[in-house]
Amino acid sequence: MESLIVFIVSFVFVFVTYFIIYLIKYKKGTIKETKEVKFLCYKYGVKIKNMNFKRLWIVFALLNAFIISVSGTVCTSLKIGYVWQVLTGFGLLFIMIFLVYGALGKILIKKEKKGDKK
């Protein structure tokens, strides 16, 4: 139960922080220059012109909040030394980034292909 509370509190805090950051970037028009967009374009070949940034910046905020909250909750709930918690957290963080953004990249590629068929 304690881990669930830690997850929810950290998720809300991180989401609100990323929401504000990405809202500012969206309003300025610099959302296309974020590392998330560059990663999706480089790794999965998603075209920037086909991305709907009106909804995508909220998805980025949700995904980043989920990744950080899960990795933080899991590594703090482990009963191991502090150094091992940090190492486990970094490892889990990198794994989740590649998995979650990999899934997002595949979804965006499917949407591109679906849009090309019309």
PDB file of N, CA and C in Angstrom:
ATOM      1  N   MET A   1       0.827  -1.196   0.000  1.00  0.00           N
ATOM      2  CA  MET A   1       0.000   0.000   0.000  1.00  0.00           C
ATOM      3  C   MET A   1       0.872   1.261   0.000  1.00  0.00           C
ATOM      4  N   GLU A   2       1.964   1.186   0.747  1.00  0.00           N
ATOM      5  CA  GLU A   2       2.857   2.331   0.817  1.00  0.00           C
ATOM      6  C   GLU A   2       3.501   2.612  -0.547  1.00  0.00           C
ATOM      7  N   SER A   3       3.831   1.540  -1.270  1.00  0.00           N
ATOM      8  CA  SER A   3       4.431   1.702  -2.598  1.00  0.00           C
ATOM      9  C   SER A   3       3.452   2.344  -3.577  1.00  0.00           C
ATOM     10  N   LEU A   4       2.183   2.011  -3.449  1.00  0.00           N
ATOM     11  CA  LEU A   4       1.169   2.606  -4.319  1.00  0.00           C
ATOM     12  C   LEU A   4       1.044   4.106  -4.068  1.00  0.00           C
ATOM     13  N   ILE A   5       1.091   4.496  -2.813  1.00  0.00           N
ATOM     14  CA  ILE A   5       1.013   5.918  -2.472  1.00  0.00           C
ATOM     15  C   ILE A   5       2.236   6.658  -3.005  1.00  0.00           C
ATOM     16  N   VAL A   6       3.419   6.040  -2.847  1.00  0.00           N
ATOM     17  CA  VAL A   6       4.646   6.647  -3.374  1.00  0.00           C
ATOM     18  C   VAL A   6       4.545   6.802  -4.887  1.00  0.00           C
ATOM     19  N   PHE A   7       4.028   5.771  -5.559  1.00  0.00           N
ATOM     20  CA  PHE A   7       3.884   5.835  -7.015  1.00  0.00           C
ATOM     21  C   PHE A   7       2.932   6.952  -7.419  1.00  0.00           C
ATOM     22  N   ILE A   8       1.778   7.030  -6.791  1.00  0.00           N
ATOM     23  CA  ILE A   8       0.774   8.034  -7.173  1.00  0.00           C
ATOM     24  C   ILE A   8       1.286   9.450  -6.921  1.00  0.00           C
ATOM     25  N   VAL A   9       1.897   9.667  -5.761  1.00  0.00           N
ATOM     26  CA  VAL A   9       2.412  11.000  -5.442  1.00  0.00           C
ATOM     27  C   VAL A   9       3.525  11.391  -6.412  1.00  0.00           C
ATOM     28  N   SER A  10       4.449  10.477  -6.668  1.00  0.00           N
ATOM     29  CA  SER A  10       5.539  10.801  -7.590  1.00  0.00           C
ATOM     30  C   SER A  10       5.021  10.979  -9.016  1.00  0.00           C
ATOM     31  N   PHE A  11       4.039  10.173  -9.424  1.00  0.00           N
ATOM     32  CA  PHE A  11       3.480  10.309 -10.768  1.00  0.00           C
ATOM     33  C   PHE A  11       2.828  11.675 -10.939  1.00  0.00           C
ATOM     34  N   VAL A  12       2.022  12.078  -9.977  1.00  0.00           N
ATOM     35  CA  VAL A  12       1.336  13.373 -10.080  1.00  0.00           C
ATOM     36  C   VAL A  12       2.350  14.515 -10.108  1.00  0.00           C
ATOM     37  N   PHE A  13       3.344  14.455  -9.230  1.00  0.00           N
ATOM     38  CA  PHE A  13       4.360  15.514  -9.176  1.00  0.00           C
ATOM     39  C   PHE A  13       5.139  15.601 -10.486  1.00  0.00           C
ATOM     40  N   VAL A  14       5.606  14.466 -10.983  1.00  0.00           N
ATOM     41  CA  VAL A  14       6.393  14.456 -12.217  1.00  0.00           C
ATOM     42  C   VAL A  14       5.521  14.845 -13.407  1.00  0.00           C
ATOM     43  N   PHE A  15       4.274  14.372 -13.440  1.00  0.00           N
ATOM     44  CA  PHE A  15       3.389  14.719 -14.553  1.00  0.00           C
ATOM     45  C   PHE A  15       3.119  16.214 -14.603  1.00  0.00           C
ATOM     46  N   VAL A  16       2.825  16.817 -13.470  1.00  0.00           N
ATOM     47  CA  VAL A  16       2.556  18.260 -13.447  1.00  0.00           C
ATOM     48  C   VAL A  16       3.792  19.034 -13.901  1.00  0.00           C
ATOM     49  N   THR A  17       4.966  18.597 -13.453  1.00  0.00           N
ATOM     50  CA  THR A  17       6.205  19.254 -13.861  1.00  0.00           C
ATOM     51  C   THR A  17       6.411  19.155 -15.367  1.00  0.00           C
ATOM     52  N   TYR A  18       6.301  17.943 -15.907  1.00  0.00           N
ATOM     53  CA  TYR A  18       6.469  17.765 -17.349  1.00  0.00           C
ATOM     54  C   TYR A  18       5.345  18.438 -18.135  1.00  0.00           C
ATOM     55  N   PHE A  19       4.152  18.460 -17.602  1.00  0.00           N
ATOM     56  CA  PHE A  19       3.031  19.125 -18.268  1.00  0.00           C
ATOM     57  C   PHE A  19       3.347  20.601 -18.481  1.00  0.00           C
ATOM     58  N   ILE A  20       3.849  21.239 -17.447  1.00  0.00           N
ATOM     59  CA  ILE A  20       4.191  22.663 -17.548  1.00  0.00           C
ATOM     60  C   ILE A  20       5.335  22.876 -18.534  1.00  0.00           C
ATOM     61  N   ILE A  21       6.369  22.025 -18.443  1.00  0.00           N
ATOM     62  CA  ILE A  21       7.524  22.166 -19.332  1.00  0.00           C
ATOM     63  C   ILE A  21       7.116  21.996 -20.792  1.00  0.00           C
ATOM     64  N   TYR A  22       6.350  20.936 -21.082  1.00  0.00           N
ATOM     65  CA  TYR A  22       5.963  20.678 -22.470  1.00  0.00           C
ATOM     66  C   TYR A  22       4.914  21.663 -22.966  1.00  0.00           C
ATOM     67  N   LEU A  23       4.081  22.183 -22.084  1.00  0.00           N
ATOM     68  CA  LEU A  23       3.129  23.214 -22.494  1.00  0.00           C
ATOM     69  C   LEU A  23       3.869  24.467 -22.952  1.00  0.00           C
ATOM     70  N   ILE A  24       4.896  24.842 -22.203  1.00  0.00           N
ATOM     71  CA  ILE A  24       5.696  26.009 -22.586  1.00  0.00           C
ATOM     72  C   ILE A  24       6.394  25.761 -23.921  1.00  0.00           C
ATOM     73  N   LYS A  25       6.963  24.552 -24.078  1.00  0.00           N
ATOM     74  CA  LYS A  25       7.644  24.228 -25.340  1.00  0.00           C
ATOM     75  C   LYS A  25       6.656  24.187 -26.501  1.00  0.00           C
ATOM     76  N   TYR A  26       5.454  23.692 -26.252  1.00  0.00           N
ATOM     77  CA  TYR A  26       4.441  23.639 -27.311  1.00  0.00           C
ATOM     78  C   TYR A  26       4.024  25.047 -27.723  1.00  0.00           C
ATOM     79  N   LYS A  27       3.801  25.917 -26.742  1.00  0.00           N
ATOM     80  CA  LYS A  27       3.382  27.288 -27.045  1.00  0.00           C
ATOM     81  C   LYS A  27       4.476  28.049 -27.790  1.00  0.00           C
ATOM     82  N   LYS A  28       5.759  27.774 -27.431  1.00  0.00           N
ATOM     83  CA  LYS A  28       6.870  28.436 -28.112  1.00  0.00           C
ATOM     84  C   LYS A  28       7.145  27.842 -29.488  1.00  0.00           C
ATOM     85  N   GLY A  29       6.660  26.625 -29.709  1.00  0.00           N
ATOM     86  CA  GLY A  29       6.912  25.955 -30.981  1.00  0.00           C
ATOM     87  C   GLY A  29       8.218  25.186 -31.016  1.00  0.00           C
ATOM     88  N   THR A  30       8.822  24.954 -29.847  1.00  0.00           N
ATOM     89  CA  THR A  30      10.098  24.236 -29.796  1.00  0.00           C
ATOM     90  C   THR A  30       9.928  22.770 -29.408  1.00  0.00           C
ATOM     91  N   ILE A  31       8.712  22.268 -29.417  1.00  0.00           N
ATOM     92  CA  ILE A  31       8.465  20.874 -29.044  1.00  0.00           C
ATOM     93  C   ILE A  31       9.099  19.923 -30.060  1.00  0.00           C
ATOM     94  N   LYS A  32       9.271  20.387 -31.297  1.00  0.00           N
ATOM     95  CA  LYS A  32       9.865  19.546 -32.342  1.00  0.00           C
ATOM     96  C   LYS A  32      11.349  19.302 -32.109  1.00  0.00           C
ATOM     97  N   GLU A  33      11.963  20.083 -31.233  1.00  0.00           N
ATOM     98  CA  GLU A  33      13.397  19.975 -30.978  1.00  0.00           C
ATOM     99  C   GLU A  33      13.717  19.175 -29.723  1.00  0.00           C
ATOM    100  N   THR A  34      12.726  18.558 -29.096  1.00  0.00           N
ATOM    101  CA  THR A  34      12.989  17.805 -27.873  1.00  0.00           C
ATOM    102  C   THR A  34      13.690  16.492 -28.190  1.00  0.00           C
ATOM    103  N   LYS A  35      14.334  15.942 -27.181  1.00  0.00           N
ATOM    104  CA  LYS A  35      15.065  14.686 -27.349  1.00  0.00           C
ATOM    105  C   LYS A  35      14.131  13.523 -27.663  1.00  0.00           C
ATOM    106  N   GLU A  36      12.919  13.576 -27.160  1.00  0.00           N
ATOM    107  CA  GLU A  36      11.960  12.509 -27.435  1.00  0.00           C
ATOM    108  C   GLU A  36      11.623  12.446 -28.924  1.00  0.00           C
ATOM    109  N   VAL A  37      11.383  13.597 -29.510  1.00  0.00           N
ATOM    110  CA  VAL A  37      11.045  13.658 -30.931  1.00  0.00           C
ATOM    111  C   VAL A  37      12.243  13.221 -31.769  1.00  0.00           C
ATOM    112  N   LYS A  38      13.429  13.692 -31.408  1.00  0.00           N
ATOM    113  CA  LYS A  38      14.634  13.304 -32.147  1.00  0.00           C
ATOM    114  C   LYS A  38      14.879  11.803 -32.050  1.00  0.00           C
ATOM    115  N   PHE A  39      14.639  11.219 -30.868  1.00  0.00           N
ATOM    116  CA  PHE A  39      14.815   9.776 -30.695  1.00  0.00           C
ATOM    117  C   PHE A  39      13.837   9.002 -31.570  1.00  0.00           C
ATOM    118  N   LEU A  40      12.583   9.416 -31.585  1.00  0.00           N
ATOM    119  CA  LEU A  40      11.579   8.734 -32.401  1.00  0.00           C
ATOM    120  C   LEU A  40      11.892   8.855 -33.893  1.00  0.00           C
ATOM    121  N   CYS A  41      12.380  10.009 -34.309  1.00  0.00           N
ATOM    122  CA  CYS A  41      12.718  10.193 -35.723  1.00  0.00           C
ATOM    123  C   CYS A  41      13.941   9.369 -36.105  1.00  0.00           C
ATOM    124  N   TYR A  42      14.950   9.349 -35.251  1.00  0.00           N
ATOM    125  CA  TYR A  42      16.190   8.641 -35.565  1.00  0.00           C
ATOM    126  C   TYR A  42      16.023   7.129 -35.476  1.00  0.00           C
ATOM    127  N   LYS A  43      15.440   6.661 -34.404  1.00  0.00           N
ATOM    128  CA  LYS A  43      15.370   5.216 -34.151  1.00  0.00           C
ATOM    129  C   LYS A  43      14.282   4.532 -34.978  1.00  0.00           C
ATOM    130  N   TYR A  44      13.129   5.163 -35.120  1.00  0.00           N
ATOM    131  CA  TYR A  44      11.987   4.514 -35.758  1.00  0.00           C
ATOM    132  C   TYR A  44      11.600   5.130 -37.094  1.00  0.00           C
ATOM    133  N   GLY A  45      12.280   6.175 -37.508  1.00  0.00           N
ATOM    134  CA  GLY A  45      12.002   6.769 -38.808  1.00  0.00           C
ATOM    135  C   GLY A  45      10.673   7.490 -38.897  1.00  0.00           C
ATOM    136  N   VAL A  46      10.166   7.943 -37.774  1.00  0.00           N
ATOM    137  CA  VAL A  46       8.909   8.692 -37.773  1.00  0.00           C
ATOM    138  C   VAL A  46       9.185  10.084 -38.333  1.00  0.00           C
ATOM    139  N   LYS A  47       8.331  10.545 -39.213  1.00  0.00           N
ATOM    140  CA  LYS A  47       8.520  11.857 -39.832  1.00  0.00           C
ATOM    141  C   LYS A  47       7.873  12.940 -38.968  1.00  0.00           C
ATOM    142  N   ILE A  48       8.613  14.020 -38.795  1.00  0.00           N
ATOM    143  CA  ILE A  48       8.123  15.122 -37.960  1.00  0.00           C
ATOM    144  C   ILE A  48       6.841  15.718 -38.537  1.00  0.00           C
ATOM    145  N   LYS A  49       6.756  15.801 -39.852  1.00  0.00           N
ATOM    146  CA  LYS A  49       5.577  16.430 -40.465  1.00  0.00           C
ATOM    147  C   LYS A  49       4.305  15.622 -40.225  1.00  0.00           C
ATOM    148  N   ASN A  50       4.442  14.330 -39.930  1.00  0.00           N
ATOM    149  CA  ASN A  50       3.272  13.488 -39.687  1.00  0.00           C
ATOM    150  C   ASN A  50       2.859  13.434 -38.215  1.00  0.00           C
ATOM    151  N   MET A  51       3.649  14.044 -37.339  1.00  0.00           N
ATOM    152  CA  MET A  51       3.332  14.014 -35.909  1.00  0.00           C
ATOM    153  C   MET A  51       2.298  15.073 -35.569  1.00  0.00           C
ATOM    154  N   ASN A  52       1.357  14.700 -34.722  1.00  0.00           N
ATOM    155  CA  ASN A  52       0.339  15.629 -34.247  1.00  0.00           C
ATOM    156  C   ASN A  52       0.789  16.143 -32.879  1.00  0.00           C
ATOM    157  N   PHE A  53       1.506  17.263 -32.868  1.00  0.00           N
ATOM    158  CA  PHE A  53       2.068  17.779 -31.630  1.00  0.00           C
ATOM    159  C   PHE A  53       1.005  18.347 -30.701  1.00  0.00           C
ATOM    160  N   LYS A  54      -0.187  18.564 -31.206  1.00  0.00           N
ATOM    161  CA  LYS A  54      -1.271  19.073 -30.371  1.00  0.00           C
ATOM    162  C   LYS A  54      -1.625  18.075 -29.269  1.00  0.00           C
ATOM    163  N   ARG A  55      -1.539  16.773 -29.579  1.00  0.00           N
ATOM    164  CA  ARG A  55      -1.821  15.734 -28.584  1.00  0.00           C
ATOM    165  C   ARG A  55      -0.553  15.050 -28.085  1.00  0.00           C
ATOM    166  N   LEU A  56       0.490  15.087 -28.880  1.00  0.00           N
ATOM    167  CA  LEU A  56       1.687  14.314 -28.567  1.00  0.00           C
ATOM    168  C   LEU A  56       2.445  14.849 -27.358  1.00  0.00           C
ATOM    169  N   TRP A  57       2.395  16.140 -27.104  1.00  0.00           N
ATOM    170  CA  TRP A  57       3.129  16.666 -25.960  1.00  0.00           C
ATOM    171  C   TRP A  57       2.524  16.174 -24.646  1.00  0.00           C
ATOM    172  N   ILE A  58       1.225  15.943 -24.614  1.00  0.00           N
ATOM    173  CA  ILE A  58       0.593  15.388 -23.413  1.00  0.00           C
ATOM    174  C   ILE A  58       0.999  13.927 -23.243  1.00  0.00           C
ATOM    175  N   VAL A  59       1.103  13.206 -24.348  1.00  0.00           N
ATOM    176  CA  VAL A  59       1.553  11.809 -24.295  1.00  0.00           C
ATOM    177  C   VAL A  59       2.984  11.746 -23.773  1.00  0.00           C
ATOM    178  N   PHE A  60       3.847  12.661 -24.221  1.00  0.00           N
ATOM    179  CA  PHE A  60       5.221  12.699 -23.718  1.00  0.00           C
ATOM    180  C   PHE A  60       5.246  12.930 -22.213  1.00  0.00           C
ATOM    181  N   ALA A  61       4.422  13.843 -21.732  1.00  0.00           N
ATOM    182  CA  ALA A  61       4.377  14.118 -20.294  1.00  0.00           C
ATOM    183  C   ALA A  61       3.899  12.899 -19.517  1.00  0.00           C
ATOM    184  N   LEU A  62       2.867  12.223 -20.015  1.00  0.00           N
ATOM    185  CA  LEU A  62       2.364  11.015 -19.348  1.00  0.00           C
ATOM    186  C   LEU A  62       3.397   9.892 -19.346  1.00  0.00           C
ATOM    187  N   LEU A  63       4.036   9.665 -20.479  1.00  0.00           N
ATOM    188  CA  LEU A  63       5.023   8.589 -20.567  1.00  0.00           C
ATOM    189  C   LEU A  63       6.228   8.856 -19.675  1.00  0.00           C
ATOM    190  N   ASN A  64       6.734  10.080 -19.689  1.00  0.00           N
ATOM    191  CA  ASN A  64       7.879  10.398 -18.844  1.00  0.00           C
ATOM    192  C   ASN A  64       7.533  10.278 -17.369  1.00  0.00           C
ATOM    193  N   ALA A  65       6.346  10.711 -16.988  1.00  0.00           N
ATOM    194  CA  ALA A  65       5.920  10.583 -15.594  1.00  0.00           C
ATOM    195  C   ALA A  65       5.791   9.116 -15.205  1.00  0.00           C
ATOM    196  N   PHE A  66       5.249   8.293 -16.089  1.00  0.00           N
ATOM    197  CA  PHE A  66       5.114   6.863 -15.816  1.00  0.00           C
ATOM    198  C   PHE A  66       6.479   6.203 -15.664  1.00  0.00           C
ATOM    199  N   ILE A  67       7.397   6.495 -16.567  1.00  0.00           N
ATOM    200  CA  ILE A  67       8.729   5.890 -16.529  1.00  0.00           C
ATOM    201  C   ILE A  67       9.456   6.255 -15.243  1.00  0.00           C
ATOM    202  N   ILE A  68       9.466   7.520 -14.910  1.00  0.00           N
ATOM    203  CA  ILE A  68      10.192   7.971 -13.721  1.00  0.00           C
ATOM    204  C   ILE A  68       9.534   7.451 -12.452  1.00  0.00           C
ATOM    205  N   SER A  69       8.216   7.458 -12.389  1.00  0.00           N
ATOM    206  CA  SER A  69       7.512   7.003 -11.190  1.00  0.00           C
ATOM    207  C   SER A  69       7.690   5.510 -10.959  1.00  0.00           C
ATOM    208  N   VAL A  70       7.588   4.715 -12.002  1.00  0.00           N
ATOM    209  CA  VAL A  70       7.747   3.265 -11.848  1.00  0.00           C
ATOM    210  C   VAL A  70       9.164   2.924 -11.422  1.00  0.00           C
ATOM    211  N   SER A  71      10.149   3.503 -12.090  1.00  0.00           N
ATOM    212  CA  SER A  71      11.527   3.173 -11.733  1.00  0.00           C
ATOM    213  C   SER A  71      11.866   3.661 -10.326  1.00  0.00           C
ATOM    214  N   GLY A  72      11.387   4.824  -9.954  1.00  0.00           N
ATOM    215  CA  GLY A  72      11.628   5.318  -8.600  1.00  0.00           C
ATOM    216  C   GLY A  72      10.948   4.488  -7.534  1.00  0.00           C
ATOM    217  N   THR A  73       9.714   4.085  -7.786  1.00  0.00           N
ATOM    218  CA  THR A  73       8.978   3.272  -6.816  1.00  0.00           C
ATOM    219  C   THR A  73       9.598   1.889  -6.664  1.00  0.00           C
ATOM    220  N   VAL A  74       9.971   1.278  -7.771  1.00  0.00           N
ATOM    221  CA  VAL A  74      10.553  -0.069  -7.709  1.00  0.00           C
ATOM    222  C   VAL A  74      11.894  -0.047  -6.998  1.00  0.00           C
ATOM    223  N   CYS A  75      12.757   0.893  -7.339  1.00  0.00           N
ATOM    224  CA  CYS A  75      14.089   0.867  -6.733  1.00  0.00           C
ATOM    225  C   CYS A  75      14.063   1.282  -5.266  1.00  0.00           C
ATOM    226  N   THR A  76      13.118   2.099  -4.842  1.00  0.00           N
ATOM    227  CA  THR A  76      13.050   2.443  -3.419  1.00  0.00           C
ATOM    228  C   THR A  76      12.368   1.366  -2.590  1.00  0.00           C
ATOM    229  N   SER A  77      11.578   0.522  -3.224  1.00  0.00           N
ATOM    230  CA  SER A  77      10.919  -0.548  -2.464  1.00  0.00           C
ATOM    231  C   SER A  77      11.824  -1.759  -2.273  1.00  0.00           C
ATOM    232  N   LEU A  78      12.934  -1.813  -2.994  1.00  0.00           N
ATOM    233  CA  LEU A  78      13.881  -2.913  -2.817  1.00  0.00           C
ATOM    234  C   LEU A  78      14.655  -2.724  -1.518  1.00  0.00           C
ATOM    235  N   LYS A  79      14.849  -3.794  -0.805  1.00  0.00           N
ATOM    236  CA  LYS A  79      15.574  -3.743   0.470  1.00  0.00           C
ATOM    237  C   LYS A  79      17.033  -4.134   0.241  1.00  0.00           C
ATOM    238  N   ILE A  80      17.726  -3.307  -0.516  1.00  0.00           N
ATOM    239  CA  ILE A  80      19.144  -3.521  -0.779  1.00  0.00           C
ATOM    240  C   ILE A  80      19.876  -2.227  -0.465  1.00  0.00           C
ATOM    241  N   GLY A  81      21.187  -2.235  -0.586  1.00  0.00           N
ATOM    242  CA  GLY A  81      21.973  -1.050  -0.280  1.00  0.00           C
ATOM    243  C   GLY A  81      21.655   0.119  -1.195  1.00  0.00           C
ATOM    244  N   TYR A  82      22.006   1.305  -0.719  1.00  0.00           N
ATOM    245  CA  TYR A  82      21.696   2.532  -1.450  1.00  0.00           C
ATOM    246  C   TYR A  82      22.340   2.549  -2.831  1.00  0.00           C
ATOM    247  N   VAL A  83      23.593   2.128  -2.915  1.00  0.00           N
ATOM    248  CA  VAL A  83      24.292   2.126  -4.203  1.00  0.00           C
ATOM    249  C   VAL A  83      23.596   1.190  -5.180  1.00  0.00           C
ATOM    250  N   TRP A  84      23.160   0.028  -4.702  1.00  0.00           N
ATOM    251  CA  TRP A  84      22.468  -0.929  -5.568  1.00  0.00           C
ATOM    252  C   TRP A  84      21.097  -0.411  -5.985  1.00  0.00           C
ATOM    253  N   GLN A  85      20.450   0.339  -5.112  1.00  0.00           N
ATOM    254  CA  GLN A  85      19.170   0.945  -5.484  1.00  0.00           C
ATOM    255  C   GLN A  85      19.350   1.944  -6.624  1.00  0.00           C
ATOM    256  N   VAL A  86      20.401   2.754  -6.529  1.00  0.00           N
ATOM    257  CA  VAL A  86      20.670   3.745  -7.576  1.00  0.00           C
ATOM    258  C   VAL A  86      21.004   3.052  -8.894  1.00  0.00           C
ATOM    259  N   LEU A  87      21.857   2.033  -8.834  1.00  0.00           N
ATOM    260  CA  LEU A  87      22.215   1.299 -10.052  1.00  0.00           C
ATOM    261  C   LEU A  87      21.002   0.596 -10.659  1.00  0.00           C
ATOM    262  N   THR A  88      20.181  -0.002  -9.813  1.00  0.00           N
ATOM    263  CA  THR A  88      18.959  -0.652 -10.289  1.00  0.00           C
ATOM    264  C   THR A  88      18.012   0.377 -10.905  1.00  0.00           C
ATOM    265  N   GLY A  89      17.906   1.526 -10.272  1.00  0.00           N
ATOM    266  CA  GLY A  89      17.044   2.589 -10.795  1.00  0.00           C
ATOM    267  C   GLY A  89      17.481   3.067 -12.167  1.00  0.00           C
ATOM    268  N   PHE A  90      18.784   3.286 -12.351  1.00  0.00           N
ATOM    269  CA  PHE A  90      19.281   3.714 -13.660  1.00  0.00           C
ATOM    270  C   PHE A  90      19.056   2.641 -14.716  1.00  0.00           C
ATOM    271  N   GLY A  91      19.336   1.395 -14.363  1.00  0.00           N
ATOM    272  CA  GLY A  91      19.113   0.308 -15.315  1.00  0.00           C
ATOM    273  C   GLY A  91      17.657   0.200 -15.718  1.00  0.00           C
ATOM    274  N   LEU A  92      16.778   0.238 -14.728  1.00  0.00           N
ATOM    275  CA  LEU A  92      15.340   0.160 -14.996  1.00  0.00           C
ATOM    276  C   LEU A  92      14.864   1.363 -15.804  1.00  0.00           C
ATOM    277  N   LEU A  93      15.430   2.517 -15.515  1.00  0.00           N
ATOM    278  CA  LEU A  93      15.070   3.735 -16.236  1.00  0.00           C
ATOM    279  C   LEU A  93      15.393   3.609 -17.724  1.00  0.00           C
ATOM    280  N   PHE A  94      16.593   3.154 -18.041  1.00  0.00           N
ATOM    281  CA  PHE A  94      16.975   3.003 -19.450  1.00  0.00           C
ATOM    282  C   PHE A  94      16.137   1.942 -20.150  1.00  0.00           C
ATOM    283  N   ILE A  95      15.897   0.832 -19.485  1.00  0.00           N
ATOM    284  CA  ILE A  95      15.081  -0.231 -20.081  1.00  0.00           C
ATOM    285  C   ILE A  95      13.673   0.275 -20.374  1.00  0.00           C
ATOM    286  N   MET A  96      13.088   0.986 -19.410  1.00  0.00           N
ATOM    287  CA  MET A  96      11.720   1.479 -19.604  1.00  0.00           C
ATOM    288  C   MET A  96      11.643   2.551 -20.691  1.00  0.00           C
ATOM    289  N   ILE A  97      12.671   3.389 -20.785  1.00  0.00           N
ATOM    290  CA  ILE A  97      12.676   4.405 -21.839  1.00  0.00           C
ATOM    291  C   ILE A  97      12.629   3.739 -23.206  1.00  0.00           C
ATOM    292  N   PHE A  98      13.477   2.742 -23.409  1.00  0.00           N
ATOM    293  CA  PHE A  98      13.501   2.072 -24.709  1.00  0.00           C
ATOM    294  C   PHE A  98      12.217   1.294 -24.968  1.00  0.00           C
ATOM    295  N   LEU A  99      11.666   0.650 -23.955  1.00  0.00           N
ATOM    296  CA  LEU A  99      10.432  -0.110 -24.161  1.00  0.00           C
ATOM    297  C   LEU A  99       9.237   0.794 -24.441  1.00  0.00           C
ATOM    298  N   VAL A 100       9.066   1.811 -23.618  1.00  0.00           N
ATOM    299  CA  VAL A 100       7.889   2.676 -23.737  1.00  0.00           C
ATOM    300  C   VAL A 100       7.959   3.524 -25.008  1.00  0.00           C
ATOM    301  N   TYR A 101       9.114   4.129 -25.267  1.00  0.00           N
ATOM    302  CA  TYR A 101       9.218   4.930 -26.482  1.00  0.00           C
ATOM    303  C   TYR A 101       9.287   4.057 -27.724  1.00  0.00           C
ATOM    304  N   GLY A 102       9.731   2.807 -27.575  1.00  0.00           N
ATOM    305  CA  GLY A 102       9.660   1.861 -28.686  1.00  0.00           C
ATOM    306  C   GLY A 102       8.224   1.566 -29.060  1.00  0.00           C
ATOM    307  N   ALA A 103       7.388   1.359 -28.046  1.00  0.00           N
ATOM    308  CA  ALA A 103       5.964   1.126 -28.306  1.00  0.00           C
ATOM    309  C   ALA A 103       5.322   2.358 -28.942  1.00  0.00           C
ATOM    310  N   LEU A 104       5.667   3.539 -28.446  1.00  0.00           N
ATOM    311  CA  LEU A 104       5.128   4.770 -29.031  1.00  0.00           C
ATOM    312  C   LEU A 104       5.590   4.934 -30.478  1.00  0.00           C
ATOM    313  N   GLY A 105       6.852   4.622 -30.747  1.00  0.00           N
ATOM    314  CA  GLY A 105       7.362   4.711 -32.111  1.00  0.00           C
ATOM    315  C   GLY A 105       6.621   3.788 -33.058  1.00  0.00           C
ATOM    316  N   LYS A 106       6.338   2.567 -32.609  1.00  0.00           N
ATOM    317  CA  LYS A 106       5.608   1.621 -33.451  1.00  0.00           C
ATOM    318  C   LYS A 106       4.169   2.082 -33.687  1.00  0.00           C
ATOM    319  N   ILE A 107       3.560   2.659 -32.672  1.00  0.00           N
ATOM    320  CA  ILE A 107       2.203   3.191 -32.832  1.00  0.00           C
ATOM    321  C   ILE A 107       2.195   4.337 -33.844  1.00  0.00           C
ATOM    322  N   LEU A 108       3.174   5.233 -33.739  1.00  0.00           N
ATOM    323  CA  LEU A 108       3.236   6.359 -34.674  1.00  0.00           C
ATOM    324  C   LEU A 108       3.519   5.895 -36.098  1.00  0.00           C
ATOM    325  N   ILE A 109       4.338   4.857 -36.248  1.00  0.00           N
ATOM    326  CA  ILE A 109       4.609   4.307 -37.583  1.00  0.00           C
ATOM    327  C   ILE A 109       3.333   3.717 -38.177  1.00  0.00           C
ATOM    328  N   LYS A 110       2.562   2.993 -37.360  1.00  0.00           N
ATOM    329  CA  LYS A 110       1.296   2.430 -37.847  1.00  0.00           C
ATOM    330  C   LYS A 110       0.336   3.533 -38.271  1.00  0.00           C
ATOM    331  N   LYS A 111       0.296   4.626 -37.494  1.00  0.00           N
ATOM    332  CA  LYS A 111      -0.578   5.741 -37.863  1.00  0.00           C
ATOM    333  C   LYS A 111      -0.124   6.390 -39.165  1.00  0.00           C
ATOM    334  N   GLU A 112       1.208   6.481 -39.352  1.00  0.00           N
ATOM    335  CA  GLU A 112       1.720   7.033 -40.606  1.00  0.00           C
ATOM    336  C   GLU A 112       1.302   6.174 -41.789  1.00  0.00           C
ATOM    337  N   LYS A 113       1.470   4.863 -41.649  1.00  0.00           N
ATOM    338  CA  LYS A 113       1.115   3.953 -42.741  1.00  0.00           C
ATOM    339  C   LYS A 113      -0.380   3.975 -43.007  1.00  0.00           C
ATOM    340  N   LYS A 114      -1.166   4.071 -41.943  1.00  0.00           N
ATOM    341  CA  LYS A 114      -2.622   4.143 -42.094  1.00  0.00           C
ATOM    342  C   LYS A 114      -3.018   5.440 -42.800  1.00  0.00           C
ATOM    343  N   GLY A 115      -2.325   6.528 -42.471  1.00  0.00           N
ATOM    344  CA  GLY A 115      -2.606   7.811 -43.110  1.00  0.00           C
ATOM    345  C   GLY A 115      -2.167   7.852 -44.557  1.00  0.00           C
ATOM    346  N   ASP A 116      -1.099   7.111 -44.903  1.00  0.00           N
ATOM    347  CA  ASP A 116      -0.624   7.070 -46.289  1.00  0.00           C
ATOM    348  C   ASP A 116      -1.573   6.307 -47.194  1.00  0.00           C
ATOM    349  N   LYS A 117      -2.295   5.334 -46.647  1.00  0.00           N
ATOM    350  CA  LYS A 117      -3.206   4.514 -47.447  1.00  0.00           C
ATOM    351  C   LYS A 117      -4.442   5.280 -47.879  1.00  0.00           C
ATOM    352  N   LYS A 118      -4.817   6.313 -47.137  1.00  0.00           N
ATOM    353  CA  LYS A 118      -6.048   7.061 -47.440  1.00  0.00           C
ATOM    354  C   LYS A 118      -5.905   7.916 -48.655  1.00  0.00           C
TER     355      LYS A 118
END
